Structure formats: structure tokens, C-alpha cells
């Protein structure tokens, strides 16, 4: 009977080892993806700062005006959460309410666009 127990235990150990290996591979992929996203965020942050400085230097727009607009855009989805949210709009094709989340009307299937150039 002990030989069967040993075989069973070895299978369990091998299964656990395989699961641990898969988890490590997944964690490595996620870490790599996170590094890539951080690099992208850094580039976007630099671009935004550069654009803001150009706008400020070449217009009458103040930092307070920018802060007020950011707050206004944040509230468009009804929640002040620091995120660019999806909007509920009237479909331009069928007139029914739909969300900009999917990019198409859930009622008629036609393409819809929100007020944001950049959708979050």
C-alpha cells in the first residue's frame, strides 16, 4: 500500500510544482507588462507637460482654467474619481440611450463616439 501512497504523493508534488511554475511565468509576464505600461505612462506624462507648457506660453489659459476643465471632464460621467469615464449618450442613429464604453450602440449596433478624443 505504501508504494501507491508514494506514487500519489509524487503526482501531487509534480502537480504543485507545475502550478508554481505556471504562476511564476504569469507573474513574470505581468511584471514585464507593468514595466512597459510605466514607460508608456512616463512618455504620456512628458507629452502632456510639454503640451501644457506650449499652451500656457502661447495663450491666455491659466493653470486654474486647466484645473477647472480637468474637474469638469472628470464629472462628465457623474463621478469625481480622477478617471475619464464612459458616458451614457443618446444614440445618433436610433435615439435610445447607450454607453460609449463599447463604441457601438447596444440597441441598434451602429457605431457611436463619446465626447472624448481619448477614451479611458
C-alpha atoms as a PDB file:
ATOM      1  CA  UNK A   1       0.000   0.000   0.000  1.00  0.00           C
ATOM      2  CA  UNK A   2       2.887   2.372   0.693  1.00  0.00           C
ATOM      3  CA  UNK A   3       4.017   2.256  -2.962  1.00  0.00           C
ATOM      4  CA  UNK A   4       0.620   3.582  -4.038  1.00  0.00           C
ATOM      5  CA  UNK A   5       0.834   6.311  -1.423  1.00  0.00           C
ATOM      6  CA  UNK A   6       4.294   7.291  -2.680  1.00  0.00           C
ATOM      7  CA  UNK A   7       3.063   7.418  -6.282  1.00  0.00           C
ATOM      8  CA  UNK A   8       0.100   9.537  -5.223  1.00  0.00           C
ATOM      9  CA  UNK A   9       2.343  11.918  -3.267  1.00  0.00           C
ATOM     10  CA  UNK A  10       4.786  12.252  -6.189  1.00  0.00           C
ATOM     11  CA  UNK A  11       1.919  13.113  -8.533  1.00  0.00           C
ATOM     12  CA  UNK A  12       0.672  15.748  -6.101  1.00  0.00           C
ATOM     13  CA  UNK A  13       4.167  17.181  -5.729  1.00  0.00           C
ATOM     14  CA  UNK A  14       4.663  17.243  -9.501  1.00  0.00           C
ATOM     15  CA  UNK A  15       1.272  18.910  -9.967  1.00  0.00           C
ATOM     16  CA  UNK A  16       2.055  21.533  -7.344  1.00  0.00           C
ATOM     17  CA  UNK A  17       5.439  22.149  -8.932  1.00  0.00           C
ATOM     18  CA  UNK A  18       3.848  22.622 -12.348  1.00  0.00           C
ATOM     19  CA  UNK A  19       1.299  25.060 -10.902  1.00  0.00           C
ATOM     20  CA  UNK A  20       4.059  27.016  -9.177  1.00  0.00           C
ATOM     21  CA  UNK A  21       5.994  27.202 -12.434  1.00  0.00           C
ATOM     22  CA  UNK A  22       2.909  28.459 -14.304  1.00  0.00           C
ATOM     23  CA  UNK A  23       2.272  31.060 -11.601  1.00  0.00           C
ATOM     24  CA  UNK A  24       5.878  32.275 -11.820  1.00  0.00           C
ATOM     25  CA  UNK A  25       5.640  32.570 -15.602  1.00  0.00           C
ATOM     26  CA  UNK A  26       2.418  34.541 -15.284  1.00  0.00           C
ATOM     27  CA  UNK A  27       3.937  36.821 -12.638  1.00  0.00           C
ATOM     28  CA  UNK A  28       6.957  37.419 -14.894  1.00  0.00           C
ATOM     29  CA  UNK A  29       4.656  38.365 -17.812  1.00  0.00           C
ATOM     30  CA  UNK A  30       2.624  40.703 -15.609  1.00  0.00           C
ATOM     31  CA  UNK A  31       5.800  42.339 -14.277  1.00  0.00           C
ATOM     32  CA  UNK A  32       7.069  42.880 -17.823  1.00  0.00           C
ATOM     33  CA  UNK A  33       3.726  44.336 -18.864  1.00  0.00           C
ATOM     34  CA  UNK A  34       3.748  46.638 -15.839  1.00  0.00           C
ATOM     35  CA  UNK A  35       7.229  47.932 -16.741  1.00  0.00           C
ATOM     36  CA  UNK A  36       6.018  48.619 -20.278  1.00  0.00           C
ATOM     37  CA  UNK A  37       2.926  50.454 -19.002  1.00  0.00           C
ATOM     38  CA  UNK A  38       5.070  52.557 -16.675  1.00  0.00           C
ATOM     39  CA  UNK A  39       7.295  53.566 -19.616  1.00  0.00           C
ATOM     40  CA  UNK A  40       4.208  54.474 -21.635  1.00  0.00           C
ATOM     41  CA  UNK A  41       2.787  56.494 -18.745  1.00  0.00           C
ATOM     42  CA  UNK A  42       6.070  58.358 -18.367  1.00  0.00           C
ATOM     43  CA  UNK A  43       6.051  59.269 -22.083  1.00  0.00           C
ATOM     44  CA  UNK A  44       2.409  60.381 -21.944  1.00  0.00           C
ATOM     45  CA  UNK A  45       3.119  62.450 -18.827  1.00  0.00           C
ATOM     46  CA  UNK A  46       6.064  64.154 -20.557  1.00  0.00           C
ATOM     47  CA  UNK A  47       3.963  64.826 -23.660  1.00  0.00           C
ATOM     48  CA  UNK A  48       1.131  66.303 -21.580  1.00  0.00           C
ATOM     49  CA  UNK A  49       3.528  68.534 -19.655  1.00  0.00           C
ATOM     50  CA  UNK A  50       5.159  69.691 -22.891  1.00  0.00           C
ATOM     51  CA  UNK A  51       1.785  70.438 -24.486  1.00  0.00           C
ATOM     52  CA  UNK A  52       0.598  72.277 -21.381  1.00  0.00           C
ATOM     53  CA  UNK A  53       3.731  74.457 -21.330  1.00  0.00           C
ATOM     54  CA  UNK A  54       3.301  75.328 -25.017  1.00  0.00           C
ATOM     55  CA  UNK A  55      -0.375  76.167 -24.489  1.00  0.00           C
ATOM     56  CA  UNK A  56       0.348  78.259 -21.382  1.00  0.00           C
ATOM     57  CA  UNK A  57       3.146  80.196 -23.113  1.00  0.00           C
ATOM     58  CA  UNK A  58       1.133  80.853 -26.269  1.00  0.00           C
ATOM     59  CA  UNK A  59      -2.310  81.613 -24.907  1.00  0.00           C
ATOM     60  CA  UNK A  60      -4.210  83.273 -22.104  1.00  0.00           C
ATOM     61  CA  UNK A  61      -5.062  79.937 -20.494  1.00  0.00           C
ATOM     62  CA  UNK A  62      -4.116  79.719 -16.817  1.00  0.00           C
ATOM     63  CA  UNK A  63      -3.378  76.729 -14.614  1.00  0.00           C
ATOM     64  CA  UNK A  64      -6.645  77.397 -12.767  1.00  0.00           C
ATOM     65  CA  UNK A  65      -8.558  77.247 -16.052  1.00  0.00           C
ATOM     66  CA  UNK A  66      -6.872  73.923 -16.822  1.00  0.00           C
ATOM     67  CA  UNK A  67      -7.637  72.564 -13.338  1.00  0.00           C
ATOM     68  CA  UNK A  68     -11.285  73.658 -13.686  1.00  0.00           C
ATOM     69  CA  UNK A  69     -11.564  71.933 -17.085  1.00  0.00           C
ATOM     70  CA  UNK A  70      -9.982  68.742 -15.769  1.00  0.00           C
ATOM     71  CA  UNK A  71     -12.558  68.730 -12.956  1.00  0.00           C
ATOM     72  CA  UNK A  72     -15.387  69.340 -15.456  1.00  0.00           C
ATOM     73  CA  UNK A  73     -14.247  66.471 -17.681  1.00  0.00           C
ATOM     74  CA  UNK A  74     -13.886  64.213 -14.639  1.00  0.00           C
ATOM     75  CA  UNK A  75     -17.517  64.899 -13.696  1.00  0.00           C
ATOM     76  CA  UNK A  76     -18.947  64.088 -17.146  1.00  0.00           C
ATOM     77  CA  UNK A  77     -19.648  60.514 -16.090  1.00  0.00           C
ATOM     78  CA  UNK A  78     -21.264  61.781 -12.892  1.00  0.00           C
ATOM     79  CA  UNK A  79     -18.426  60.764 -10.584  1.00  0.00           C
ATOM     80  CA  UNK A  80     -15.443  62.858  -9.424  1.00  0.00           C
ATOM     81  CA  UNK A  81     -12.989  59.949  -9.344  1.00  0.00           C
ATOM     82  CA  UNK A  82      -9.984  61.215 -11.292  1.00  0.00           C
ATOM     83  CA  UNK A  83     -10.826  58.998 -14.269  1.00  0.00           C
ATOM     84  CA  UNK A  84     -12.065  59.624 -17.771  1.00  0.00           C
ATOM     85  CA  UNK A  85     -15.257  57.598 -17.595  1.00  0.00           C
ATOM     86  CA  UNK A  86     -17.643  56.300 -20.174  1.00  0.00           C
ATOM     87  CA  UNK A  87     -20.711  58.315 -20.937  1.00  0.00           C
ATOM     88  CA  UNK A  88     -24.350  57.458 -21.427  1.00  0.00           C
ATOM     89  CA  UNK A  89     -25.495  59.191 -24.606  1.00  0.00           C
ATOM     90  CA  UNK A  90     -28.437  59.188 -26.990  1.00  0.00           C
ATOM     91  CA  UNK A  91     -27.544  57.049 -29.992  1.00  0.00           C
ATOM     92  CA  UNK A  92     -27.394  59.319 -33.064  1.00  0.00           C
ATOM     93  CA  UNK A  93     -28.922  56.511 -35.149  1.00  0.00           C
ATOM     94  CA  UNK A  94     -31.817  55.108 -33.087  1.00  0.00           C
ATOM     95  CA  UNK A  95     -32.125  57.754 -30.349  1.00  0.00           C
ATOM     96  CA  UNK A  96     -32.014  55.262 -27.475  1.00  0.00           C
ATOM     97  CA  UNK A  97     -29.647  55.522 -24.503  1.00  0.00           C
ATOM     98  CA  UNK A  98     -26.342  53.710 -24.877  1.00  0.00           C
ATOM     99  CA  UNK A  99     -22.842  53.839 -23.403  1.00  0.00           C
ATOM    100  CA  UNK A 100     -19.670  54.983 -25.130  1.00  0.00           C
ATOM    101  CA  UNK A 101     -17.899  52.048 -23.442  1.00  0.00           C
ATOM    102  CA  UNK A 102     -18.275  49.662 -26.374  1.00  0.00           C
ATOM    103  CA  UNK A 103     -18.031  52.100 -29.281  1.00  0.00           C
ATOM    104  CA  UNK A 104     -21.340  50.876 -30.705  1.00  0.00           C
ATOM    105  CA  UNK A 105     -24.980  51.174 -29.703  1.00  0.00           C
ATOM    106  CA  UNK A 106     -26.139  48.148 -27.739  1.00  0.00           C
ATOM    107  CA  UNK A 107     -29.642  48.611 -29.159  1.00  0.00           C
ATOM    108  CA  UNK A 108     -29.084  49.062 -32.898  1.00  0.00           C
ATOM    109  CA  UNK A 109     -25.408  48.099 -33.330  1.00  0.00           C
ATOM    110  CA  UNK A 110     -24.360  51.330 -35.054  1.00  0.00           C
ATOM    111  CA  UNK A 111     -21.042  52.990 -34.171  1.00  0.00           C
ATOM    112  CA  UNK A 112     -21.156  55.723 -31.533  1.00  0.00           C
ATOM    113  CA  UNK A 113     -18.467  58.067 -30.273  1.00  0.00           C
ATOM    114  CA  UNK A 114     -18.235  59.922 -26.999  1.00  0.00           C
ATOM    115  CA  UNK A 115     -17.131  63.471 -26.305  1.00  0.00           C
ATOM    116  CA  UNK A 116     -13.583  62.357 -25.524  1.00  0.00           C
ATOM    117  CA  UNK A 117     -10.837  62.047 -28.100  1.00  0.00           C
ATOM    118  CA  UNK A 118      -9.055  59.804 -25.649  1.00  0.00           C
ATOM    119  CA  UNK A 119     -11.312  57.133 -24.190  1.00  0.00           C
ATOM    120  CA  UNK A 120     -10.184  55.573 -20.910  1.00  0.00           C
END
